[in-house]
Amino acid sequence: MAGVDELHEGQKVWVEQDDGSQRKAVFVGEATQSWFGGMPGAYVAYPETRSGEEVAMIRIVPRDDDE
């Protein structure tokens, strides 16, 4: 898991999916902390679908490829 201090806007990342697979995404930024002590989150964008979502930070891994 990468800490938010290790990620920067526009960085290429992998997002772990519910089935254990990984999906290519771009890190957009840190999500607001939950009022009830939830896990830290982040916003990501999926270039192939031009969509995005908020995900738990623990699901994000930096990727080093040039794609």
C-alpha atoms as a PDB file:
ATOM      1  CA  MET A   1       0.000   0.000   0.000  1.00  0.00           C
ATOM      2  CA  ALA A   2       1.258   3.455  -0.828  1.00  0.00           C
ATOM      3  CA  GLY A   3       0.788   6.319   1.571  1.00  0.00           C
ATOM      4  CA  VAL A   4      -0.784   9.489   0.223  1.00  0.00           C
ATOM      5  CA  ASP A   5       2.575  11.242   0.740  1.00  0.00           C
ATOM      6  CA  GLU A   6       4.092   8.836  -1.792  1.00  0.00           C
ATOM      7  CA  LEU A   7       1.498   9.502  -4.488  1.00  0.00           C
ATOM      8  CA  HIS A   8       1.097  12.602  -6.619  1.00  0.00           C
ATOM      9  CA  GLU A   9      -1.651  13.893  -8.884  1.00  0.00           C
ATOM     10  CA  GLY A  10      -1.480  12.255 -12.300  1.00  0.00           C
ATOM     11  CA  GLN A  11       0.582   9.278 -11.116  1.00  0.00           C
ATOM     12  CA  LYS A  12      -0.187   5.950 -12.775  1.00  0.00           C
ATOM     13  CA  VAL A  13      -1.488   3.381 -10.288  1.00  0.00           C
ATOM     14  CA  TRP A  14      -3.124  -0.020 -10.044  1.00  0.00           C
ATOM     15  CA  VAL A  15      -6.444  -0.306  -8.195  1.00  0.00           C
ATOM     16  CA  GLU A  16      -7.263  -3.696  -6.709  1.00  0.00           C
ATOM     17  CA  GLN A  17     -10.754  -4.834  -7.690  1.00  0.00           C
ATOM     18  CA  ASP A  18     -13.203  -6.923  -5.644  1.00  0.00           C
ATOM     19  CA  ASP A  19     -12.225 -10.077  -7.548  1.00  0.00           C
ATOM     20  CA  GLY A  20      -8.504  -9.583  -6.788  1.00  0.00           C
ATOM     21  CA  SER A  21      -7.579  -8.331 -10.255  1.00  0.00           C
ATOM     22  CA  GLN A  22      -5.902  -4.968 -10.799  1.00  0.00           C
ATOM     23  CA  ARG A  23      -7.171  -2.126 -12.979  1.00  0.00           C
ATOM     24  CA  LYS A  24      -5.038   0.660 -14.449  1.00  0.00           C
ATOM     25  CA  ALA A  25      -5.909   4.089 -13.124  1.00  0.00           C
ATOM     26  CA  VAL A  26      -4.509   7.551 -12.467  1.00  0.00           C
ATOM     27  CA  PHE A  27      -4.295   9.014  -8.963  1.00  0.00           C
ATOM     28  CA  VAL A  28      -6.360  12.207  -8.697  1.00  0.00           C
ATOM     29  CA  GLY A  29      -6.048  13.093  -5.015  1.00  0.00           C
ATOM     30  CA  GLU A  30      -6.754  12.291  -1.408  1.00  0.00           C
ATOM     31  CA  ALA A  31     -10.386  11.867  -0.378  1.00  0.00           C
ATOM     32  CA  THR A  32     -11.805  13.587   2.681  1.00  0.00           C
ATOM     33  CA  GLN A  33     -11.469  11.532   5.848  1.00  0.00           C
ATOM     34  CA  SER A  34     -14.584   9.745   7.030  1.00  0.00           C
ATOM     35  CA  TRP A  35     -16.328  11.242  10.051  1.00  0.00           C
ATOM     36  CA  PHE A  36     -16.688   7.796  11.577  1.00  0.00           C
ATOM     37  CA  GLY A  37     -13.086   6.630  11.417  1.00  0.00           C
ATOM     38  CA  GLY A  38     -13.248   4.908   8.058  1.00  0.00           C
ATOM     39  CA  MET A  39     -10.190   3.965   6.047  1.00  0.00           C
ATOM     40  CA  PRO A  40      -8.304   6.737   4.237  1.00  0.00           C
ATOM     41  CA  GLY A  41      -9.499   7.083   0.672  1.00  0.00           C
ATOM     42  CA  ALA A  42      -8.389   8.505  -2.631  1.00  0.00           C
ATOM     43  CA  TYR A  43      -9.907   9.518  -5.928  1.00  0.00           C
ATOM     44  CA  VAL A  44      -8.787   7.712  -9.063  1.00  0.00           C
ATOM     45  CA  ALA A  45      -9.669   8.029 -12.741  1.00  0.00           C
ATOM     46  CA  TYR A  46      -9.865   5.188 -15.246  1.00  0.00           C
ATOM     47  CA  PRO A  47      -8.607   6.519 -18.605  1.00  0.00           C
ATOM     48  CA  GLU A  48     -10.092   3.722 -20.739  1.00  0.00           C
ATOM     49  CA  THR A  49     -13.638   4.516 -19.589  1.00  0.00           C
ATOM     50  CA  ARG A  50     -13.190   8.208 -18.696  1.00  0.00           C
ATOM     51  CA  SER A  51     -14.739   7.445 -15.322  1.00  0.00           C
ATOM     52  CA  GLY A  52     -13.551   7.645 -11.744  1.00  0.00           C
ATOM     53  CA  GLU A  53     -14.345   6.678  -8.207  1.00  0.00           C
ATOM     54  CA  GLU A  54     -13.317   6.999  -4.596  1.00  0.00           C
ATOM     55  CA  VAL A  55     -11.470   3.927  -3.342  1.00  0.00           C
ATOM     56  CA  ALA A  56      -9.796   2.875  -0.109  1.00  0.00           C
ATOM     57  CA  MET A  57      -6.139   3.893  -0.136  1.00  0.00           C
ATOM     58  CA  ILE A  58      -5.157   0.329   0.751  1.00  0.00           C
ATOM     59  CA  ARG A  59      -6.383  -0.763  -2.722  1.00  0.00           C
ATOM     60  CA  ILE A  60      -3.922   1.525  -4.579  1.00  0.00           C
ATOM     61  CA  VAL A  61      -0.438   0.474  -5.702  1.00  0.00           C
ATOM     62  CA  PRO A  62       1.891   2.670  -7.802  1.00  0.00           C
ATOM     63  CA  ARG A  63       2.735   1.224 -11.223  1.00  0.00           C
ATOM     64  CA  ASP A  64       5.950   1.757 -13.090  1.00  0.00           C
ATOM     65  CA  ASP A  65       4.957   0.969 -16.668  1.00  0.00           C
ATOM     66  CA  ASP A  66       4.918   3.461 -19.514  1.00  0.00           C
ATOM     67  CA  GLU A  67       1.405   2.661 -20.745  1.00  0.00           C
END
